[in-house]
Protein backbone atom coordinates (compact mmCIF):
# COMPACT_ATOMS: atom_id res chain seq x y z
CA MET A 1 18.87 -42.25 -28.39
CA SER A 2 18.53 -41.51 -32.05
CA LYS A 3 18.54 -37.63 -31.91
CA SER A 4 21.06 -35.53 -30.19
CA VAL A 5 20.36 -32.38 -28.19
CA GLU A 6 21.49 -30.33 -31.19
CA ASP A 7 18.90 -32.16 -33.37
CA TYR A 8 16.09 -31.16 -30.94
CA ILE A 9 17.20 -27.62 -30.80
CA GLU A 10 17.49 -27.56 -34.55
CA SER A 11 13.96 -29.13 -34.92
CA ASP A 12 12.48 -26.69 -32.32
CA GLU A 13 13.69 -23.64 -34.20
CA ARG A 14 12.59 -25.03 -37.49
CA PHE A 15 9.01 -26.08 -36.55
CA PHE A 16 8.02 -23.72 -33.66
CA PRO A 17 7.69 -19.94 -33.75
CA LYS A 18 10.04 -17.96 -31.43
CA SER A 19 6.80 -16.75 -29.67
CA PHE A 20 6.31 -20.23 -28.33
CA SER A 21 9.90 -20.90 -27.47
CA TRP A 22 11.11 -19.76 -23.95
CA LYS A 23 13.50 -22.49 -23.47
CA GLN A 24 15.37 -22.50 -20.07
CA LEU A 25 17.74 -25.47 -20.49
CA PRO A 26 18.92 -28.08 -23.12
CA LEU A 27 16.97 -30.60 -21.30
CA ILE A 28 15.19 -33.48 -23.28
CA ALA A 29 12.76 -35.12 -20.90
CA SER A 30 11.82 -38.64 -21.75
CA LYS A 31 10.28 -39.71 -18.46
CA ALA A 32 9.11 -38.12 -15.18
CA TYR A 33 7.69 -39.65 -11.97
CA GLY A 34 7.24 -37.84 -8.61
CA SER A 35 9.66 -35.06 -8.20
CA ILE A 36 12.18 -36.72 -10.67
CA ILE A 37 12.80 -35.96 -14.43
CA GLU A 38 14.77 -38.33 -16.51
CA ASP A 39 16.37 -37.08 -19.73
CA ALA A 40 16.89 -38.98 -22.98
CA TYR A 41 20.20 -40.02 -21.72
CA GLY A 42 18.90 -41.57 -18.62
CA ARG A 43 20.23 -38.78 -16.34
CA LYS A 44 17.91 -37.94 -13.46
CA TYR A 45 17.18 -34.54 -12.11
CA ILE A 46 15.14 -33.29 -9.14
CA ASP A 47 12.31 -31.03 -10.37
CA PHE A 48 12.33 -27.71 -8.47
CA SER A 49 10.47 -25.51 -10.87
CA THR A 50 8.21 -27.30 -13.45
CA THR A 51 5.64 -28.72 -11.02
CA LEU A 52 3.51 -25.70 -11.23
CA ALA A 53 1.30 -28.01 -13.48
CA ASN A 54 2.11 -31.24 -11.58
CA ILE A 55 1.39 -30.16 -8.10
CA ILE A 56 1.49 -33.66 -6.80
CA GLY A 57 4.39 -34.67 -8.85
CA HIS A 58 4.68 -36.24 -12.16
CA SER A 59 2.82 -39.45 -13.18
CA HIS A 60 1.28 -39.80 -9.69
CA PRO A 61 0.10 -43.61 -9.68
CA GLU A 62 -3.38 -42.78 -8.52
CA VAL A 63 -3.99 -40.15 -11.11
CA VAL A 64 -2.61 -42.52 -13.84
CA ASP A 65 -4.90 -45.30 -12.68
CA ALA A 66 -7.82 -42.99 -12.68
CA LEU A 67 -7.07 -41.87 -16.16
CA LYS A 68 -6.71 -45.53 -17.32
CA LYS A 69 -10.10 -46.47 -15.95
CA GLN A 70 -11.56 -43.30 -17.60
CA LEU A 71 -10.09 -44.18 -20.90
CA GLU A 72 -11.78 -47.39 -20.96
CA ILE A 73 -15.37 -45.87 -20.45
CA LEU A 74 -15.43 -42.40 -21.89
CA THR A 75 -12.64 -40.44 -23.48
CA SER A 76 -14.24 -37.47 -24.95
CA PHE A 77 -17.73 -35.98 -25.08
CA PRO A 78 -19.18 -32.42 -25.99
CA THR A 79 -20.46 -31.43 -22.68
CA CYS A 80 -21.80 -28.16 -24.15
CA TYR A 81 -24.50 -30.30 -25.80
CA PHE A 82 -24.89 -33.18 -23.36
CA TYR A 83 -24.08 -34.18 -19.82
CA ALA A 84 -21.20 -36.26 -18.32
CA GLU A 85 -20.39 -37.25 -14.64
CA ALA A 86 -16.81 -36.07 -14.28
CA PRO A 87 -17.15 -32.38 -15.23
CA SER A 88 -20.37 -32.23 -13.10
CA LYS A 89 -18.65 -33.69 -10.06
CA LEU A 90 -15.63 -31.41 -10.59
CA ALA A 91 -17.78 -28.21 -10.82
CA GLN A 92 -19.56 -29.14 -7.60
CA LYS A 93 -16.34 -29.69 -5.76
CA LEU A 94 -14.78 -26.44 -7.01
CA VAL A 95 -17.81 -24.48 -6.09
CA ASN A 96 -17.52 -25.86 -2.52
CA ILE A 97 -13.80 -25.24 -1.99
CA THR A 98 -13.48 -21.77 -3.48
CA PRO A 99 -14.09 -18.57 -1.59
CA GLY A 100 -17.46 -16.66 -1.94
CA SER A 101 -20.89 -17.26 -0.36
CA TYR A 102 -22.75 -16.03 -3.34
CA LYS A 103 -24.22 -18.23 -6.11
CA LYS A 104 -21.44 -19.54 -8.35
CA LYS A 105 -21.12 -21.01 -11.72
CA ILE A 106 -18.22 -22.42 -13.72
CA VAL A 107 -16.92 -22.61 -17.22
CA PHE A 108 -14.07 -25.09 -17.97
CA GLY A 109 -11.17 -24.36 -20.59
CA PHE A 110 -7.73 -25.94 -21.36
CA SER A 111 -5.26 -23.30 -20.17
CA GLY A 112 -4.94 -20.39 -17.87
CA SER A 113 -4.87 -18.14 -20.86
CA ASP A 114 -8.33 -19.11 -22.17
CA ALA A 115 -9.82 -18.89 -18.62
CA VAL A 116 -8.53 -15.33 -18.20
CA ASP A 117 -9.98 -14.55 -21.64
CA MET A 118 -13.40 -15.89 -20.60
CA ALA A 119 -13.40 -14.09 -17.38
CA LEU A 120 -12.56 -10.81 -19.10
CA THR A 121 -14.98 -11.37 -21.78
CA SER A 122 -17.92 -12.07 -19.35
CA SER A 123 -16.87 -8.97 -17.33
CA ILE A 124 -17.04 -6.78 -20.41
CA PHE A 125 -20.45 -8.15 -21.36
CA TYR A 126 -21.82 -7.86 -17.83
CA THR A 127 -20.62 -4.27 -17.19
CA LYS A 128 -20.98 -3.14 -20.67
CA LYS A 129 -18.05 -1.03 -20.02
CA LYS A 130 -14.62 -0.67 -21.72
CA PHE A 131 -11.47 -0.18 -19.62
CA ILE A 132 -9.79 -2.92 -17.72
CA LEU A 133 -7.25 -2.44 -14.91
CA SER A 134 -4.15 -4.53 -14.75
CA PHE A 135 -0.64 -4.33 -13.32
CA GLN A 136 2.95 -3.65 -14.28
CA GLY A 137 4.83 -7.01 -14.34
CA SER A 138 1.60 -9.01 -14.77
CA TYR A 139 1.43 -12.11 -16.89
CA HIS A 140 -2.07 -13.59 -17.52
CA GLY A 141 -1.64 -15.59 -20.72
CA THR A 142 -1.23 -15.51 -24.44
CA THR A 143 -4.78 -15.38 -25.99
CA TYR A 144 -5.98 -11.88 -27.15
CA LEU A 145 -7.41 -10.46 -23.91
CA SER A 146 -5.00 -12.31 -21.55
CA LEU A 147 -2.01 -11.11 -23.45
CA SER A 148 -3.33 -7.65 -23.68
CA THR A 149 -3.56 -7.59 -19.91
CA SER A 150 -0.01 -9.04 -19.51
CA GLU A 151 2.24 -6.06 -19.21
CA ILE A 152 5.35 -8.06 -18.99
CA MET A 153 4.93 -9.28 -22.49
CA ALA A 154 2.49 -6.92 -24.19
CA GLN A 155 4.11 -3.48 -23.85
CA ASN A 156 6.53 -3.23 -26.67
CA ASP A 157 6.46 -0.93 -29.51
CA THR A 158 4.84 -3.53 -31.89
CA SER A 159 2.29 -5.32 -29.74
CA LYS A 160 0.73 -2.49 -27.74
CA ASN A 161 -0.85 -0.92 -30.79
CA LEU A 162 -2.28 -4.20 -31.87
CA LEU A 163 -3.81 -5.71 -28.75
CA TYR A 164 -6.93 -4.67 -26.77
CA LYS A 165 -6.19 -0.98 -26.35
CA ASN A 166 -8.41 -0.19 -23.24
CA ILE A 167 -5.94 -1.65 -20.69
CA VAL A 168 -4.80 0.62 -17.94
CA PHE A 169 -1.54 -0.57 -16.10
CA VAL A 170 -0.63 0.59 -12.81
CA PRO A 171 2.32 -0.43 -10.51
CA TYR A 172 2.08 -3.65 -8.55
CA PRO A 173 3.23 -3.21 -4.87
CA ASN A 174 6.65 -4.78 -5.07
CA PRO A 175 8.20 -4.34 -1.53
CA TYR A 176 11.71 -4.87 -2.95
CA ARG A 177 11.77 -2.63 -5.97
CA ASN A 178 9.30 0.05 -6.92
CA PRO A 179 9.18 3.47 -8.46
CA TRP A 180 9.11 5.29 -5.19
CA ASN A 181 12.05 3.30 -3.61
CA ILE A 182 9.86 2.46 -0.56
CA ASN A 183 11.11 -0.32 1.44
CA GLY A 184 7.79 -2.14 1.35
CA TYR A 185 8.90 -4.81 4.04
CA GLU A 186 9.62 -1.99 6.54
CA LYS A 187 6.91 0.30 5.39
CA PRO A 188 4.15 -1.84 4.07
CA ASP A 189 1.40 0.77 4.58
CA GLU A 190 3.26 3.45 2.93
CA LEU A 191 3.77 1.40 -0.28
CA THR A 192 0.09 0.09 -0.17
CA ASN A 193 -1.34 3.77 0.24
CA THR A 194 0.91 5.15 -2.48
CA ILE A 195 -0.20 2.78 -4.98
CA LEU A 196 -3.88 2.83 -3.93
CA ARG A 197 -3.80 6.57 -4.47
CA GLU A 198 -2.57 6.15 -7.95
CA ILE A 199 -5.14 3.53 -8.65
CA GLU A 200 -8.03 5.67 -7.37
CA LYS A 201 -6.75 8.68 -9.43
CA THR A 202 -6.52 6.37 -12.55
CA LEU A 203 -10.07 5.00 -12.07
CA LYS A 204 -11.57 8.44 -11.72
CA SER A 205 -10.02 9.42 -15.06
CA LEU A 206 -11.96 6.60 -16.81
CA ASN A 207 -15.34 8.53 -16.70
CA ASN A 208 -17.50 5.64 -15.43
CA ASP A 209 -16.35 3.26 -18.07
CA PHE A 210 -14.52 0.78 -15.82
CA VAL A 211 -14.95 -3.04 -16.38
CA GLY A 212 -12.90 -4.21 -13.50
CA VAL A 213 -9.44 -5.42 -12.48
CA VAL A 214 -7.55 -8.64 -13.08
CA VAL A 215 -4.88 -9.34 -10.44
CA GLU A 216 -2.53 -11.98 -9.37
CA PRO A 217 -2.69 -12.45 -5.57
CA ILE A 218 1.11 -13.03 -5.86
CA GLN A 219 2.73 -12.10 -9.08
CA GLY A 220 4.13 -15.29 -10.69
CA ASP A 221 5.98 -14.91 -13.82
CA GLY A 222 6.60 -11.25 -12.91
CA GLY A 223 9.00 -12.49 -10.25
CA ILE A 224 7.12 -14.04 -7.29
CA ILE A 225 6.11 -10.76 -5.80
CA VAL A 226 4.19 -10.94 -2.72
CA PRO A 227 2.14 -7.70 -1.91
CA PRO A 228 1.81 -6.19 1.52
CA LYS A 229 -0.93 -8.04 3.43
CA ASP A 230 -3.56 -5.25 3.30
CA PHE A 231 -3.27 -4.42 -0.39
CA LEU A 232 -5.57 -6.67 -2.06
CA LYS A 233 -8.43 -6.13 0.57
CA GLU A 234 -8.06 -2.44 -0.04
CA LEU A 235 -7.82 -2.77 -3.81
CA TYR A 236 -11.12 -4.71 -3.60
CA LYS A 237 -12.84 -1.89 -1.76
CA ILE A 238 -11.69 0.67 -4.33
CA VAL A 239 -12.75 -1.66 -7.34
CA LYS A 240 -16.20 -2.08 -5.72
CA SER A 241 -16.50 1.61 -5.05
CA PHE A 242 -16.30 2.05 -8.91
CA ASN A 243 -18.69 -0.70 -9.51
CA GLY A 244 -15.95 -2.98 -11.02
CA ILE A 245 -15.43 -6.73 -11.26
CA PHE A 246 -12.71 -8.08 -9.12
CA ILE A 247 -10.93 -10.99 -11.11
CA ALA A 248 -8.31 -13.02 -9.12
CA ASP A 249 -5.84 -14.74 -11.37
CA GLU A 250 -4.99 -18.10 -9.26
CA ILE A 251 -3.38 -19.85 -12.14
CA GLN A 252 -0.01 -20.06 -10.14
CA THR A 253 -1.23 -19.44 -6.63
CA GLY A 254 -4.13 -21.78 -6.53
CA MET A 255 -4.68 -25.42 -5.50
CA GLY A 256 -2.80 -25.26 -2.29
CA ARG A 257 0.54 -23.90 -3.69
CA THR A 258 0.83 -20.98 -1.21
CA GLY A 259 -0.19 -22.88 1.77
CA ARG A 260 -3.82 -21.95 1.48
CA TRP A 261 -6.18 -23.48 -1.09
CA TRP A 262 -6.31 -20.21 -2.94
CA GLY A 263 -3.77 -17.26 -2.84
CA VAL A 264 -6.67 -14.68 -2.08
CA GLU A 265 -7.32 -16.51 1.20
CA HIS A 266 -4.13 -15.00 2.53
CA PHE A 267 -5.44 -11.58 2.11
CA SER A 268 -9.19 -12.11 3.08
CA VAL A 269 -10.69 -11.30 -0.35
CA GLU A 270 -13.63 -12.97 -2.02
CA PRO A 271 -13.31 -12.16 -5.73
CA ASP A 272 -16.20 -11.94 -8.10
CA LEU A 273 -14.38 -14.26 -10.57
CA MET A 274 -11.50 -16.55 -9.85
CA VAL A 275 -9.39 -18.13 -12.82
CA ILE A 276 -7.66 -21.53 -12.14
CA GLY A 277 -5.30 -23.37 -14.43
CA LYS A 278 -1.97 -25.24 -14.47
CA ALA A 279 -2.22 -27.44 -11.33
CA LEU A 280 -5.93 -27.87 -11.64
CA GLY A 281 -5.69 -30.65 -14.14
CA GLY A 282 -3.24 -32.58 -12.16
CA CYS A 283 -1.27 -33.56 -15.27
CA MET A 284 -3.79 -32.79 -17.98
CA PRO A 285 -4.73 -29.61 -19.79
CA LEU A 286 -7.55 -27.94 -17.70
CA SER A 287 -8.55 -24.45 -16.59
CA ALA A 288 -11.68 -22.87 -15.12
CA VAL A 289 -13.17 -19.56 -14.42
CA ILE A 290 -15.54 -19.72 -11.36
CA GLY A 291 -17.47 -17.03 -9.69
CA LYS A 292 -20.81 -14.93 -9.68
CA SER A 293 -23.39 -16.58 -11.84
CA GLU A 294 -24.78 -13.37 -13.15
CA VAL A 295 -21.34 -12.36 -14.53
CA LEU A 296 -20.79 -15.75 -16.24
CA GLU A 297 -24.29 -15.63 -17.72
CA ALA A 298 -23.73 -12.43 -19.40
CA PRO A 299 -21.88 -13.41 -22.77
CA PRO A 300 -24.02 -14.92 -25.60
CA ALA A 301 -21.60 -17.86 -25.56
CA LEU A 302 -18.73 -19.09 -23.42
CA GLY A 303 -16.53 -22.12 -23.37
CA PHE A 304 -15.48 -24.55 -26.02
CA TYR A 305 -16.61 -27.83 -27.67
CA LEU A 306 -14.51 -29.98 -25.42
CA SER A 307 -14.79 -27.77 -22.39
CA GLY A 308 -15.02 -30.12 -19.32
CA HIS A 309 -13.13 -32.92 -20.95
CA PRO A 310 -13.77 -36.05 -19.00
CA LEU A 311 -10.09 -37.05 -18.81
CA SER A 312 -8.99 -33.66 -17.52
CA CYS A 313 -11.92 -33.58 -14.99
CA ILE A 314 -11.04 -37.02 -13.60
CA SER A 315 -7.51 -36.11 -13.25
CA ALA A 316 -8.50 -32.97 -11.36
CA LEU A 317 -10.91 -34.69 -9.06
CA LYS A 318 -8.21 -37.29 -8.13
CA THR A 319 -5.57 -34.58 -7.59
CA ILE A 320 -7.85 -32.69 -5.25
CA GLU A 321 -8.64 -35.79 -3.29
CA ILE A 322 -5.03 -36.45 -2.73
CA ILE A 323 -4.17 -32.95 -1.75
CA GLU A 324 -6.99 -33.13 0.72
CA ARG A 325 -6.24 -36.70 2.06
CA GLU A 326 -2.50 -36.04 2.52
CA ASN A 327 -2.97 -32.48 4.22
CA LEU A 328 -0.69 -31.13 1.40
CA VAL A 329 -1.86 -27.52 1.70
CA ASN A 330 -0.63 -27.38 5.26
CA ARG A 331 2.54 -29.23 4.09
CA ALA A 332 3.13 -26.52 1.49
CA MET A 333 2.93 -23.87 4.23
CA VAL A 334 5.44 -25.69 6.44
CA LEU A 335 7.98 -26.68 3.89
CA GLY A 336 7.80 -23.16 2.29
CA ASP A 337 8.74 -21.52 5.53
CA TYR A 338 11.61 -23.82 5.90
CA ILE A 339 12.85 -23.11 2.32
CA LEU A 340 12.55 -19.47 2.93
CA ARG A 341 14.56 -19.66 5.96
CA ARG A 342 17.24 -21.65 4.31
CA LEU A 343 17.52 -19.26 1.28
CA SER A 344 17.51 -16.23 3.56
CA LYS A 345 20.50 -17.38 5.30
CA LEU A 346 22.10 -18.05 1.93
CA SER A 347 21.42 -14.50 0.98
CA GLU A 348 23.31 -13.32 4.05
CA LYS A 349 26.38 -14.93 2.57
CA PHE A 350 26.22 -13.78 -0.99
CA ASN A 351 25.28 -10.21 -1.96
CA ILE A 352 24.15 -11.36 -5.43
CA ILE A 353 20.96 -12.76 -3.70
CA GLY A 354 19.06 -9.46 -3.36
CA ASP A 355 15.68 -10.83 -2.19
CA VAL A 356 14.11 -14.06 -1.07
CA ARG A 357 10.19 -14.09 -1.04
CA GLY A 358 7.17 -16.17 -1.38
CA LYS A 359 4.41 -18.04 0.40
CA GLY A 360 4.15 -21.71 0.72
CA LEU A 361 5.88 -23.43 -2.05
CA LEU A 362 5.83 -20.50 -4.42
CA ILE A 363 9.21 -18.96 -3.82
CA GLY A 364 11.47 -16.56 -5.66
CA MET A 365 15.23 -15.78 -5.21
CA GLU A 366 16.17 -12.52 -6.98
CA ILE A 367 19.66 -12.42 -8.31
CA VAL A 368 21.16 -8.98 -8.56
CA LYS A 369 24.54 -7.30 -9.31
CA ASP A 370 24.91 -6.32 -5.70
CA ASP A 371 22.84 -5.37 -2.66
CA ALA A 372 23.52 -1.65 -2.95
CA SER A 373 22.39 -1.07 -6.57
CA LYS A 374 19.82 -3.93 -6.77
CA ALA A 375 20.58 -4.02 -10.43
CA PRO A 376 18.87 -7.19 -11.89
CA ASP A 377 21.40 -9.67 -12.99
CA ARG A 378 19.88 -12.05 -15.60
CA LYS A 379 23.08 -13.55 -16.68
CA ASN A 380 23.98 -14.82 -13.20
CA ALA A 381 20.52 -16.06 -12.55
CA LEU A 382 20.79 -18.25 -15.76
CA LYS A 383 24.26 -19.40 -14.82
CA ILE A 384 23.03 -20.51 -11.38
CA CYS A 385 20.27 -22.54 -13.00
CA TRP A 386 22.81 -24.03 -15.43
CA ALA A 387 25.09 -24.96 -12.59
CA ALA A 388 22.19 -26.46 -10.68
CA TRP A 389 21.07 -28.57 -13.71
CA ARG A 390 24.63 -29.92 -14.23
CA ARG A 391 24.44 -31.08 -10.45
CA GLY A 392 20.93 -32.77 -11.03
CA VAL A 393 18.31 -29.91 -10.12
CA VAL A 394 16.01 -28.33 -12.59
CA ALA A 395 15.26 -24.70 -11.73
CA MET A 396 14.14 -21.88 -13.96
CA THR A 397 14.00 -18.07 -14.00
CA VAL A 398 11.14 -15.68 -14.24
CA GLY A 399 10.56 -12.03 -13.85
CA LYS A 400 10.52 -8.97 -15.94
CA HIS A 401 14.41 -9.12 -16.05
CA SER A 402 14.48 -12.88 -15.97
CA ASN A 403 16.58 -12.68 -12.93
CA VAL A 404 14.42 -14.39 -10.37
CA ILE A 405 14.99 -18.15 -9.77
CA ARG A 406 11.61 -19.76 -9.26
CA ILE A 407 11.26 -22.56 -6.69
CA THR A 408 8.08 -24.41 -6.94
CA PRO A 409 8.53 -28.15 -6.01
CA ALA A 410 5.61 -30.52 -5.78
CA LEU A 411 3.55 -30.20 -2.63
CA ASN A 412 4.46 -33.78 -1.79
CA VAL A 413 8.22 -33.48 -2.63
CA PRO A 414 10.14 -36.05 -0.45
CA MET A 415 12.33 -34.27 2.21
CA ASP A 416 15.59 -35.90 1.13
CA LEU A 417 15.22 -34.74 -2.40
CA MET A 418 14.16 -31.25 -1.23
CA GLU A 419 17.17 -31.12 1.15
CA ARG A 420 19.45 -32.14 -1.73
CA ALA A 421 17.94 -29.53 -4.15
CA LEU A 422 18.68 -26.70 -1.62
CA GLU A 423 22.24 -27.94 -1.14
CA VAL A 424 22.59 -27.81 -4.99
CA ILE A 425 21.16 -24.35 -5.18
CA GLU A 426 23.80 -23.24 -2.55
CA GLU A 427 26.61 -24.97 -4.45
CA SER A 428 25.59 -23.51 -7.65
CA VAL A 429 25.44 -19.91 -6.20
CA LYS A 430 29.01 -20.54 -4.89
CA ASP A 431 30.15 -21.56 -8.34
CA VAL A 432 28.80 -18.59 -10.05
CA VAL A 433 30.19 -16.13 -7.45
CA ASN A 434 33.67 -17.91 -7.67
CA GLY A 435 33.62 -17.47 -11.51
CA LYS A 436 33.30 -21.12 -12.24
CA VAL A 437 30.45 -20.96 -14.79
CA THR A 438 31.40 -19.15 -18.02
CA ASN A 439 29.22 -17.04 -20.15
CA ASP A 440 29.37 -19.64 -22.72
CA VAL A 441 26.44 -21.55 -21.23
CA LEU A 442 24.14 -18.50 -21.96
CA SER A 443 24.03 -19.54 -25.67
CA PHE A 444 21.88 -22.54 -24.58
CA MET A 445 19.43 -20.56 -22.35
CA LYS A 446 16.83 -17.87 -23.34
CA GLY A 447 15.28 -17.63 -19.88
CA TRP A 448 11.80 -16.75 -19.20
CA ASN A 449 11.60 -13.60 -21.34
CA PRO A 450 13.59 -14.24 -24.52
CA ARG A 451 12.96 -10.77 -25.82
CA LEU A 452 15.59 -9.46 -23.27
CA GLN A 453 18.96 -8.52 -24.55
CA ASP A 454 22.05 -8.87 -22.54
């Protein structure tokens, strides 16, 4: 290899802004296939975190073959002006497999951020209202409206005065830690009702100037937070009582990740608009907003010149075909339950594991100073990820405090690799507890939220 790790780090710092650099590990990926990443030195790692966007693994041979064939016949085409087969087929497929019995339409984008922006723009034009409800700990993207609704990133002294000002943030029902110190696992109804009362009070204060809500069925980058089972259903009722639009952000929870095709299906909700990204493209940049036709028809223009890019749509179609054929949605549920049991047993051994939670193969393990205080421990979370990486497993942190280890393997991860990765996680926790990982490694790791200071 001609360049060292230090060369890549120096190049990254020179050419990319800090706002783009959320580096987790000094890993230089040169090749990836299935659930394996190879670095520039030929070392192999089990991918336990980055497959949110590669839900059937890296470089799936069927997807690669479909892309090769598409490259030979049509690489790019402006579907806003003309017609093409792949985006038309994908639109029809998504209309059929997403919740909602109403007439649906769809607009394609390239990332979850732009899809959230399109959903919010459509809702503003449709309602002709101003205020948008979002949640503390939320992350929806980095374009103007998606960043404005991302409390985890937007609420600092500099940015909150420059972004879209008419965003109202309310607490997300985190059963493990919340402002009222309610144990949401033991008292889910109390937590749900407490937050719903606050939401209703907030909406009443908006003087009938309410656009709608954007909500993650399970908060992803906020820390893999699963709300009580009745929360979304009751939230939907309140939003509808105020004539608002209900937008579900399925960027991380969609495409079978949680053991259902869509996260909202765990909670019996049919959103007005649904945003899909990351895993949708299989391995290609692709997003979509899908939902009520009258809402998406409201803006004077929506989408982009290359929306519905043929290569991305072909990749998505093949990915969906594989998920359906191999029954991977059900597999995600079964494997997820198994991983949750394994990690829960691990948490009984080590009091730095404060909580283990998730649905399907969207799982979070929260690292704390100790059980009693629940104080977030970003340093130890990062050190566990470092120790795992040195043993051949790639995992990363998320959360407002960057102290939640995200576990999101591919839906078709081989059992032997999954077992080995879980063994490595346990070994890495032991190493950190026993003081075998020094703070020196933190200089290489920024974690999910690099604005945090230790």
